[in-house]
Amino acid sequence: MNMITFYDSHCHLNDDLLYPKRREIVEESIQNGVKALLIVGFDLPSSEKAVEIAHEFPGCYASIGYQPENLEDAKEEDIARFEFLAKDERVLAIGEIGLDYHWFKEEAHRARQKEWFIKQIELANRLDLPVSIHARDAIGDTLVILKEHPVKRKGVLHCYSGSVESMKELEKLGYYFGFDGPITFKNAIEPKRCVKECRGDRLLVETDSPYLSPVPFRGKENSPKNIPLIVKQMAELRGEEMEETAENLKANFETLFRVKL
């Protein structure tokens, strides 16, 4: 298994749970064949930390942006700070950005989410970067915004949890789909269907560490070292050899983020 090269397209070593032990996590991931990590910001401080980590370890990169759950402290001048951070060659994307309707039912909050989603799409287009999209219980409005505000470099629907039908609509727009630990869960019927039916050139793999650990570590703290377990499940679902799936995933990561692993 360690002969295969893996990557993690979405993890949070900038999270308070993982940051103090980031060196150990990176070393364990490399030992498991996971050679590249995209550290994803969820607000301004975590984005700055993602860039810092990207410079600490070879093979680590950063994505910067405001997650929809973390907009309370978002200010207009933060956009300029993101623009400055994005000049760093280790920054590969804007994100995670998007919509989260699971926790937020109030129209005022949803309107603010949409406003900041569009602001950050515009930022990505100015910087010629792809986006990492968080869309929870909000695929309909996400599709509307992506059609009305096209992203030049496209991007990935991180931790994709929508239907196959919505996935096919997003495929037509040129988007990729990140799958993680839940595809190993016994009752994850729709995510498994999505992995099977996703175009081969649109698949990405991620952990969303420290969250969403795959079986047999479900409910425990997640780590990028668990990527091979997710890739193994993807290969089984798609009827492919694990090496074939891993090579395809690597090529997709390199294409979307314009980086050579």
C-alpha atoms as a PDB file:
ATOM      1  CA  MET A   1       0.000   0.000   0.000  1.00  0.00           C
ATOM      2  CA  ASN A   2       2.848   2.379   0.803  1.00  0.00           C
ATOM      3  CA  MET A   3       4.175   2.052  -2.757  1.00  0.00           C
ATOM      4  CA  ILE A   4       1.228   4.129  -3.980  1.00  0.00           C
ATOM      5  CA  THR A   5       1.339   7.925  -3.759  1.00  0.00           C
ATOM      6  CA  PHE A   6      -1.699   9.496  -2.116  1.00  0.00           C
ATOM      7  CA  TYR A   7      -2.743  13.051  -1.239  1.00  0.00           C
ATOM      8  CA  ASP A   8      -5.352  14.700   0.990  1.00  0.00           C
ATOM      9  CA  SER A   9      -7.210  17.483  -0.821  1.00  0.00           C
ATOM     10  CA  HIS A  10      -8.919  18.852   2.310  1.00  0.00           C
ATOM     11  CA  CYS A  11      -7.660  18.696   5.881  1.00  0.00           C
ATOM     12  CA  HIS A  12      -7.438  21.038   8.850  1.00  0.00           C
ATOM     13  CA  LEU A  13      -4.014  20.784  10.459  1.00  0.00           C
ATOM     14  CA  ASN A  14      -4.773  24.421  11.334  1.00  0.00           C
ATOM     15  CA  ASP A  15      -7.563  23.223  13.671  1.00  0.00           C
ATOM     16  CA  ASP A  16      -6.794  23.609  17.389  1.00  0.00           C
ATOM     17  CA  LEU A  17      -7.055  19.819  17.826  1.00  0.00           C
ATOM     18  CA  LEU A  18      -4.356  19.034  15.258  1.00  0.00           C
ATOM     19  CA  TYR A  19      -2.103  22.094  15.142  1.00  0.00           C
ATOM     20  CA  PRO A  20      -0.006  21.221  18.247  1.00  0.00           C
ATOM     21  CA  LYS A  21       0.834  17.763  16.816  1.00  0.00           C
ATOM     22  CA  ARG A  22       1.081  18.746  13.141  1.00  0.00           C
ATOM     23  CA  ARG A  23       4.672  17.496  12.720  1.00  0.00           C
ATOM     24  CA  GLU A  24       3.761  14.030  13.999  1.00  0.00           C
ATOM     25  CA  ILE A  25       0.668  13.976  11.746  1.00  0.00           C
ATOM     26  CA  VAL A  26       2.647  14.949   8.641  1.00  0.00           C
ATOM     27  CA  GLU A  27       5.317  12.319   9.387  1.00  0.00           C
ATOM     28  CA  GLU A  28       2.726   9.566   9.952  1.00  0.00           C
ATOM     29  CA  SER A  29       0.935  10.560   6.735  1.00  0.00           C
ATOM     30  CA  ILE A  30       4.144  10.342   4.702  1.00  0.00           C
ATOM     31  CA  GLN A  31       4.818   6.885   6.175  1.00  0.00           C
ATOM     32  CA  ASN A  32       1.365   5.859   4.895  1.00  0.00           C
ATOM     33  CA  GLY A  33       2.140   7.131   1.401  1.00  0.00           C
ATOM     34  CA  VAL A  34       0.191  10.404   1.741  1.00  0.00           C
ATOM     35  CA  LYS A  35       2.733  12.810   0.237  1.00  0.00           C
ATOM     36  CA  ALA A  36       0.683  15.986  -0.259  1.00  0.00           C
ATOM     37  CA  LEU A  37      -1.766  17.790   2.027  1.00  0.00           C
ATOM     38  CA  LEU A  38      -3.984  20.766   1.229  1.00  0.00           C
ATOM     39  CA  ILE A  39      -4.541  22.634   4.516  1.00  0.00           C
ATOM     40  CA  VAL A  40      -7.854  24.459   4.248  1.00  0.00           C
ATOM     41  CA  GLY A  41      -8.721  27.689   6.055  1.00  0.00           C
ATOM     42  CA  PHE A  42     -12.162  28.345   7.508  1.00  0.00           C
ATOM     43  CA  ASP A  43     -11.678  31.994   8.588  1.00  0.00           C
ATOM     44  CA  LEU A  44      -8.886  34.570   8.419  1.00  0.00           C
ATOM     45  CA  PRO A  45      -6.755  33.339  11.383  1.00  0.00           C
ATOM     46  CA  SER A  46      -6.975  29.690  10.257  1.00  0.00           C
ATOM     47  CA  SER A  47      -6.097  30.735   6.693  1.00  0.00           C
ATOM     48  CA  GLU A  48      -2.993  32.523   7.932  1.00  0.00           C
ATOM     49  CA  LYS A  49      -2.118  29.388   9.916  1.00  0.00           C
ATOM     50  CA  ALA A  50      -2.649  27.226   6.800  1.00  0.00           C
ATOM     51  CA  VAL A  51      -0.081  29.301   4.895  1.00  0.00           C
ATOM     52  CA  GLU A  52       2.320  29.038   7.835  1.00  0.00           C
ATOM     53  CA  ILE A  53       2.009  25.221   7.889  1.00  0.00           C
ATOM     54  CA  ALA A  54       2.446  25.061   4.103  1.00  0.00           C
ATOM     55  CA  HIS A  55       5.892  26.600   4.559  1.00  0.00           C
ATOM     56  CA  GLU A  56       6.830  24.303   7.449  1.00  0.00           C
ATOM     57  CA  PHE A  57       6.606  21.008   5.563  1.00  0.00           C
ATOM     58  CA  PRO A  58       7.377  19.943   1.971  1.00  0.00           C
ATOM     59  CA  GLY A  59       4.233  18.663   0.261  1.00  0.00           C
ATOM     60  CA  CYS A  60       1.901  20.902   2.277  1.00  0.00           C
ATOM     61  CA  TYR A  61      -0.181  23.574   0.555  1.00  0.00           C
ATOM     62  CA  ALA A  62      -2.840  26.054   1.660  1.00  0.00           C
ATOM     63  CA  SER A  63      -6.354  27.113   0.714  1.00  0.00           C
ATOM     64  CA  ILE A  64      -7.707  30.334   2.223  1.00  0.00           C
ATOM     65  CA  GLY A  65     -11.183  31.711   2.851  1.00  0.00           C
ATOM     66  CA  TYR A  66     -14.236  32.071   5.088  1.00  0.00           C
ATOM     67  CA  GLN A  67     -16.408  29.030   5.669  1.00  0.00           C
ATOM     68  CA  PRO A  68     -20.129  29.953   5.834  1.00  0.00           C
ATOM     69  CA  GLU A  69     -20.337  28.885   9.496  1.00  0.00           C
ATOM     70  CA  ASN A  70     -17.636  31.387  10.482  1.00  0.00           C
ATOM     71  CA  LEU A  71     -18.843  34.709   9.078  1.00  0.00           C
ATOM     72  CA  GLU A  72     -19.571  36.436  12.405  1.00  0.00           C
ATOM     73  CA  ASP A  73     -16.253  38.271  12.414  1.00  0.00           C
ATOM     74  CA  ALA A  74     -15.860  38.641   8.636  1.00  0.00           C
ATOM     75  CA  LYS A  75     -15.038  42.199   7.556  1.00  0.00           C
ATOM     76  CA  GLU A  76     -14.729  43.788   4.134  1.00  0.00           C
ATOM     77  CA  GLU A  77     -11.020  44.513   4.688  1.00  0.00           C
ATOM     78  CA  ASP A  78     -10.389  40.774   5.170  1.00  0.00           C
ATOM     79  CA  ILE A  79     -10.744  40.351   1.405  1.00  0.00           C
ATOM     80  CA  ALA A  80      -7.614  42.478   0.921  1.00  0.00           C
ATOM     81  CA  ARG A  81      -5.766  40.308   3.457  1.00  0.00           C
ATOM     82  CA  PHE A  82      -6.792  37.152   1.570  1.00  0.00           C
ATOM     83  CA  GLU A  83      -5.621  38.778  -1.654  1.00  0.00           C
ATOM     84  CA  PHE A  84      -2.226  39.416  -0.053  1.00  0.00           C
ATOM     85  CA  LEU A  85      -1.977  35.866   1.324  1.00  0.00           C
ATOM     86  CA  ALA A  86      -2.880  34.405  -2.076  1.00  0.00           C
ATOM     87  CA  LYS A  87       0.261  35.896  -3.622  1.00  0.00           C
ATOM     88  CA  ASP A  88       2.120  33.115  -1.808  1.00  0.00           C
ATOM     89  CA  GLU A  89       2.997  30.277  -4.188  1.00  0.00           C
ATOM     90  CA  ARG A  90       1.905  27.696  -1.584  1.00  0.00           C
ATOM     91  CA  VAL A  91      -1.707  28.940  -1.815  1.00  0.00           C
ATOM     92  CA  LEU A  92      -3.539  26.772  -4.343  1.00  0.00           C
ATOM     93  CA  ALA A  93      -7.208  27.723  -3.845  1.00  0.00           C
ATOM     94  CA  ILE A  94      -9.821  29.949  -2.233  1.00  0.00           C
ATOM     95  CA  GLY A  95     -11.844  28.054   0.335  1.00  0.00           C
ATOM     96  CA  GLU A  96     -13.530  26.666   2.020  1.00  0.00           C
ATOM     97  CA  ILE A  97     -16.345  28.936   0.929  1.00  0.00           C
ATOM     98  CA  GLY A  98     -20.019  28.335   0.224  1.00  0.00           C
ATOM     99  CA  LEU A  99     -23.345  27.771   1.966  1.00  0.00           C
ATOM    100  CA  ASP A 100     -24.429  25.885   5.078  1.00  0.00           C
ATOM    101  CA  TYR A 101     -28.171  25.682   5.673  1.00  0.00           C
ATOM    102  CA  HIS A 102     -27.980  22.797   8.135  1.00  0.00           C
ATOM    103  CA  TRP A 103     -27.335  24.963  11.178  1.00  0.00           C
ATOM    104  CA  PHE A 104     -28.581  28.288   9.828  1.00  0.00           C
ATOM    105  CA  LYS A 105     -32.305  28.632   9.152  1.00  0.00           C
ATOM    106  CA  GLU A 106     -32.631  32.443   9.373  1.00  0.00           C
ATOM    107  CA  GLU A 107     -32.930  34.214   6.019  1.00  0.00           C
ATOM    108  CA  ALA A 108     -30.665  37.055   7.178  1.00  0.00           C
ATOM    109  CA  HIS A 109     -27.807  34.663   7.874  1.00  0.00           C
ATOM    110  CA  ARG A 110     -28.358  32.795   4.619  1.00  0.00           C
ATOM    111  CA  ALA A 111     -28.302  36.100   2.731  1.00  0.00           C
ATOM    112  CA  ARG A 112     -24.958  36.947   4.351  1.00  0.00           C
ATOM    113  CA  GLN A 113     -23.616  33.514   3.380  1.00  0.00           C
ATOM    114  CA  LYS A 114     -24.612  34.115  -0.240  1.00  0.00           C
ATOM    115  CA  GLU A 115     -23.011  37.570  -0.196  1.00  0.00           C
ATOM    116  CA  TRP A 116     -19.687  36.214   1.076  1.00  0.00           C
ATOM    117  CA  PHE A 117     -19.807  33.208  -1.246  1.00  0.00           C
ATOM    118  CA  ILE A 118     -20.062  35.567  -4.224  1.00  0.00           C
ATOM    119  CA  LYS A 119     -17.384  37.930  -2.821  1.00  0.00           C
ATOM    120  CA  GLN A 120     -14.963  35.034  -2.539  1.00  0.00           C
ATOM    121  CA  ILE A 121     -15.805  33.672  -5.999  1.00  0.00           C
ATOM    122  CA  GLU A 122     -14.946  37.131  -7.346  1.00  0.00           C
ATOM    123  CA  LEU A 123     -11.691  37.007  -5.371  1.00  0.00           C
ATOM    124  CA  ALA A 124     -10.831  33.594  -6.849  1.00  0.00           C
ATOM    125  CA  ASN A 125     -11.484  34.922 -10.349  1.00  0.00           C
ATOM    126  CA  ARG A 126      -9.247  37.960  -9.775  1.00  0.00           C
ATOM    127  CA  LEU A 127      -6.478  35.675  -8.537  1.00  0.00           C
ATOM    128  CA  ASP A 128      -7.047  32.942 -11.151  1.00  0.00           C
ATOM    129  CA  LEU A 129      -7.513  30.265  -8.465  1.00  0.00           C
ATOM    130  CA  PRO A 130     -10.009  27.400  -8.119  1.00  0.00           C
ATOM    131  CA  VAL A 131     -12.410  27.229  -5.152  1.00  0.00           C
ATOM    132  CA  SER A 132     -13.102  24.675  -2.428  1.00  0.00           C
ATOM    133  CA  ILE A 133     -16.850  24.702  -1.783  1.00  0.00           C
ATOM    134  CA  HIS A 134     -18.712  23.799   1.407  1.00  0.00           C
ATOM    135  CA  ALA A 135     -22.359  23.073   0.513  1.00  0.00           C
ATOM    136  CA  ARG A 136     -24.394  21.526   3.317  1.00  0.00           C
ATOM    137  CA  ASP A 137     -28.136  21.147   2.782  1.00  0.00           C
ATOM    138  CA  ALA A 138     -27.737  23.921   0.192  1.00  0.00           C
ATOM    139  CA  ILE A 139     -26.950  22.281  -3.152  1.00  0.00           C
ATOM    140  CA  GLY A 140     -29.839  24.074  -4.918  1.00  0.00           C
ATOM    141  CA  ASP A 141     -28.685  27.590  -4.059  1.00  0.00           C
ATOM    142  CA  THR A 142     -25.053  26.565  -4.600  1.00  0.00           C
ATOM    143  CA  LEU A 143     -25.895  25.526  -8.165  1.00  0.00           C
ATOM    144  CA  VAL A 144     -27.749  28.786  -8.787  1.00  0.00           C
ATOM    145  CA  ILE A 145     -24.806  30.892  -7.587  1.00  0.00           C
ATOM    146  CA  LEU A 146     -22.237  28.886  -9.559  1.00  0.00           C
ATOM    147  CA  LYS A 147     -24.311  29.341 -12.722  1.00  0.00           C
ATOM    148  CA  GLU A 148     -24.834  33.076 -12.134  1.00  0.00           C
ATOM    149  CA  HIS A 149     -21.250  33.683 -10.967  1.00  0.00           C
ATOM    150  CA  PRO A 150     -19.036  31.271 -12.924  1.00  0.00           C
ATOM    151  CA  VAL A 151     -15.650  30.402 -11.441  1.00  0.00           C
ATOM    152  CA  LYS A 152     -12.966  30.590 -14.143  1.00  0.00           C
ATOM    153  CA  ARG A 153     -10.769  27.857 -12.653  1.00  0.00           C
ATOM    154  CA  LYS A 154     -13.760  25.838 -11.364  1.00  0.00           C
ATOM    155  CA  GLY A 155     -13.159  23.954  -8.111  1.00  0.00           C
ATOM    156  CA  VAL A 156     -14.237  21.113  -5.855  1.00  0.00           C
ATOM    157  CA  LEU A 157     -17.422  20.380  -3.926  1.00  0.00           C
ATOM    158  CA  HIS A 158     -15.700  19.335  -0.716  1.00  0.00           C
ATOM    159  CA  CYS A 159     -17.234  16.458   1.263  1.00  0.00           C
ATOM    160  CA  TYR A 160     -19.877  16.079  -1.419  1.00  0.00           C
ATOM    161  CA  SER A 161     -23.176  15.013   0.134  1.00  0.00           C
ATOM    162  CA  GLY A 162     -25.686  15.843  -2.586  1.00  0.00           C
ATOM    163  CA  SER A 163     -27.553  13.589  -4.991  1.00  0.00           C
ATOM    164  CA  VAL A 164     -26.232  11.925  -8.126  1.00  0.00           C
ATOM    165  CA  GLU A 165     -28.544  14.193 -10.140  1.00  0.00           C
ATOM    166  CA  SER A 166     -27.050  17.379  -8.650  1.00  0.00           C
ATOM    167  CA  MET A 167     -23.563  15.947  -9.143  1.00  0.00           C
ATOM    168  CA  LYS A 168     -24.258  15.482 -12.859  1.00  0.00           C
ATOM    169  CA  GLU A 169     -25.419  19.116 -13.102  1.00  0.00           C
ATOM    170  CA  LEU A 170     -22.215  20.275 -11.401  1.00  0.00           C
ATOM    171  CA  GLU A 171     -20.115  17.990 -13.612  1.00  0.00           C
ATOM    172  CA  LYS A 172     -21.507  19.820 -16.641  1.00  0.00           C
ATOM    173  CA  LEU A 173     -20.236  23.076 -15.110  1.00  0.00           C
ATOM    174  CA  GLY A 174     -16.754  21.548 -14.787  1.00  0.00           C
ATOM    175  CA  TYR A 175     -16.601  20.884 -11.034  1.00  0.00           C
ATOM    176  CA  TYR A 176     -14.792  18.168  -9.077  1.00  0.00           C
ATOM    177  CA  PHE A 177     -16.096  16.206  -6.073  1.00  0.00           C
ATOM    178  CA  GLY A 178     -14.234  15.452  -2.851  1.00  0.00           C
ATOM    179  CA  PHE A 179     -15.184  12.273  -1.003  1.00  0.00           C
ATOM    180  CA  ASP A 180     -14.091  11.314   2.495  1.00  0.00           C
ATOM    181  CA  GLY A 181     -14.713   8.950   5.426  1.00  0.00           C
ATOM    182  CA  PRO A 182     -18.535   8.710   5.145  1.00  0.00           C
ATOM    183  CA  ILE A 183     -18.258   6.659   1.928  1.00  0.00           C
ATOM    184  CA  THR A 184     -17.006   3.825   4.171  1.00  0.00           C
ATOM    185  CA  PHE A 185     -20.132   3.949   6.360  1.00  0.00           C
ATOM    186  CA  LYS A 186     -22.522   1.041   5.859  1.00  0.00           C
ATOM    187  CA  ASN A 187     -25.660   3.164   5.414  1.00  0.00           C
ATOM    188  CA  ALA A 188     -24.117   5.895   3.204  1.00  0.00           C
ATOM    189  CA  ILE A 189     -26.158   4.818   0.194  1.00  0.00           C
ATOM    190  CA  GLU A 190     -26.170   8.057  -1.829  1.00  0.00           C
ATOM    191  CA  PRO A 191     -22.476   8.951  -1.274  1.00  0.00           C
ATOM    192  CA  LYS A 192     -21.532   5.454  -2.447  1.00  0.00           C
ATOM    193  CA  ARG A 193     -23.725   5.892  -5.542  1.00  0.00           C
ATOM    194  CA  CYS A 194     -22.039   9.221  -6.243  1.00  0.00           C
ATOM    195  CA  VAL A 195     -18.555   7.666  -6.069  1.00  0.00           C
ATOM    196  CA  LYS A 196     -19.647   4.921  -8.489  1.00  0.00           C
ATOM    197  CA  GLU A 197     -21.242   7.314 -10.970  1.00  0.00           C
ATOM    198  CA  CYS A 198     -18.833  10.254 -10.801  1.00  0.00           C
ATOM    199  CA  ARG A 199     -16.736  10.830 -13.917  1.00  0.00           C
ATOM    200  CA  GLY A 200     -13.242   9.463 -13.370  1.00  0.00           C
ATOM    201  CA  ASP A 201     -11.647  12.801 -14.185  1.00  0.00           C
ATOM    202  CA  ARG A 202     -13.736  14.616 -11.555  1.00  0.00           C
ATOM    203  CA  LEU A 203     -12.935  12.572  -8.433  1.00  0.00           C
ATOM    204  CA  LEU A 204     -10.870  13.833  -5.498  1.00  0.00           C
ATOM    205  CA  VAL A 205     -10.161  12.270  -2.106  1.00  0.00           C
ATOM    206  CA  GLU A 206      -9.954  14.035   1.263  1.00  0.00           C
ATOM    207  CA  THR A 207     -10.227  13.428   5.009  1.00  0.00           C
ATOM    208  CA  ASP A 208     -11.622  16.715   6.387  1.00  0.00           C
ATOM    209  CA  SER A 209      -9.412  15.907   9.400  1.00  0.00           C
ATOM    210  CA  PRO A 210      -9.950  16.004  12.332  1.00  0.00           C
ATOM    211  CA  TYR A 211     -13.548  15.151  11.357  1.00  0.00           C
ATOM    212  CA  LEU A 212     -15.295  12.325   9.464  1.00  0.00           C
ATOM    213  CA  SER A 213     -12.966   9.410  10.200  1.00  0.00           C
ATOM    214  CA  PRO A 214     -13.457   6.361   7.983  1.00  0.00           C
ATOM    215  CA  VAL A 215     -14.344   2.904   9.263  1.00  0.00           C
ATOM    216  CA  PRO A 216     -12.814   1.370  11.433  1.00  0.00           C
ATOM    217  CA  PHE A 217     -12.007   4.694  13.126  1.00  0.00           C
ATOM    218  CA  ARG A 218     -15.475   6.224  12.863  1.00  0.00           C
ATOM    219  CA  GLY A 219     -16.141   8.579  15.788  1.00  0.00           C
ATOM    220  CA  LYS A 220     -12.433   9.046  16.517  1.00  0.00           C
ATOM    221  CA  GLU A 221     -10.105  11.892  15.577  1.00  0.00           C
ATOM    222  CA  ASN A 222      -9.278  11.749  11.874  1.00  0.00           C
ATOM    223  CA  SER A 223      -5.886  12.201  10.211  1.00  0.00           C
ATOM    224  CA  PRO A 224      -4.559  12.400   6.628  1.00  0.00           C
ATOM    225  CA  LYS A 225      -2.833   9.052   7.258  1.00  0.00           C
ATOM    226  CA  ASN A 226      -6.303   7.466   6.794  1.00  0.00           C
ATOM    227  CA  ILE A 227      -6.515   8.458   3.116  1.00  0.00           C
ATOM    228  CA  PRO A 228      -5.584   4.929   1.878  1.00  0.00           C
ATOM    229  CA  LEU A 229      -8.684   3.514   3.610  1.00  0.00           C
ATOM    230  CA  ILE A 230     -10.905   5.931   1.682  1.00  0.00           C
ATOM    231  CA  VAL A 231      -9.143   5.273  -1.633  1.00  0.00           C
ATOM    232  CA  LYS A 232      -9.535   1.516  -1.065  1.00  0.00           C
ATOM    233  CA  GLN A 233     -13.305   1.994  -0.645  1.00  0.00           C
ATOM    234  CA  MET A 234     -13.464   4.206  -3.749  1.00  0.00           C
ATOM    235  CA  ALA A 235     -11.673   1.565  -5.813  1.00  0.00           C
ATOM    236  CA  GLU A 236     -14.000  -1.186  -4.590  1.00  0.00           C
ATOM    237  CA  LEU A 237     -17.084   0.887  -5.362  1.00  0.00           C
ATOM    238  CA  ARG A 238     -15.821   1.675  -8.863  1.00  0.00           C
ATOM    239  CA  GLY A 239     -14.610  -1.858  -9.617  1.00  0.00           C
ATOM    240  CA  GLU A 240     -11.024  -0.674 -10.077  1.00  0.00           C
ATOM    241  CA  GLU A 241      -7.622  -1.717  -8.787  1.00  0.00           C
ATOM    242  CA  MET A 242      -6.497   0.529  -5.940  1.00  0.00           C
ATOM    243  CA  GLU A 243      -3.366   1.593  -7.875  1.00  0.00           C
ATOM    244  CA  GLU A 244      -5.512   2.704 -10.837  1.00  0.00           C
ATOM    245  CA  THR A 245      -7.835   4.750  -8.625  1.00  0.00           C
ATOM    246  CA  ALA A 246      -4.909   6.351  -6.766  1.00  0.00           C
ATOM    247  CA  GLU A 247      -3.149   7.319 -10.017  1.00  0.00           C
ATOM    248  CA  ASN A 248      -6.351   8.828 -11.366  1.00  0.00           C
ATOM    249  CA  LEU A 249      -6.949  10.790  -8.141  1.00  0.00           C
ATOM    250  CA  LYS A 250      -3.370  12.097  -8.243  1.00  0.00           C
ATOM    251  CA  ALA A 251      -3.785  13.277 -11.851  1.00  0.00           C
ATOM    252  CA  ASN A 252      -7.053  15.049 -10.958  1.00  0.00           C
ATOM    253  CA  PHE A 253      -5.433  16.861  -8.013  1.00  0.00           C
ATOM    254  CA  GLU A 254      -2.559  18.005 -10.224  1.00  0.00           C
ATOM    255  CA  THR A 255      -4.937  19.202 -12.943  1.00  0.00           C
ATOM    256  CA  LEU A 256      -7.283  21.188 -10.699  1.00  0.00           C
ATOM    257  CA  PHE A 257      -4.645  22.776  -8.481  1.00  0.00           C
ATOM    258  CA  ARG A 258      -1.887  23.102 -11.120  1.00  0.00           C
ATOM    259  CA  VAL A 259       0.736  21.445  -8.979  1.00  0.00           C
ATOM    260  CA  LYS A 260       3.028  18.463  -9.586  1.00  0.00           C
ATOM    261  CA  LEU A 261       3.060  15.854  -6.803  1.00  0.00           C
END
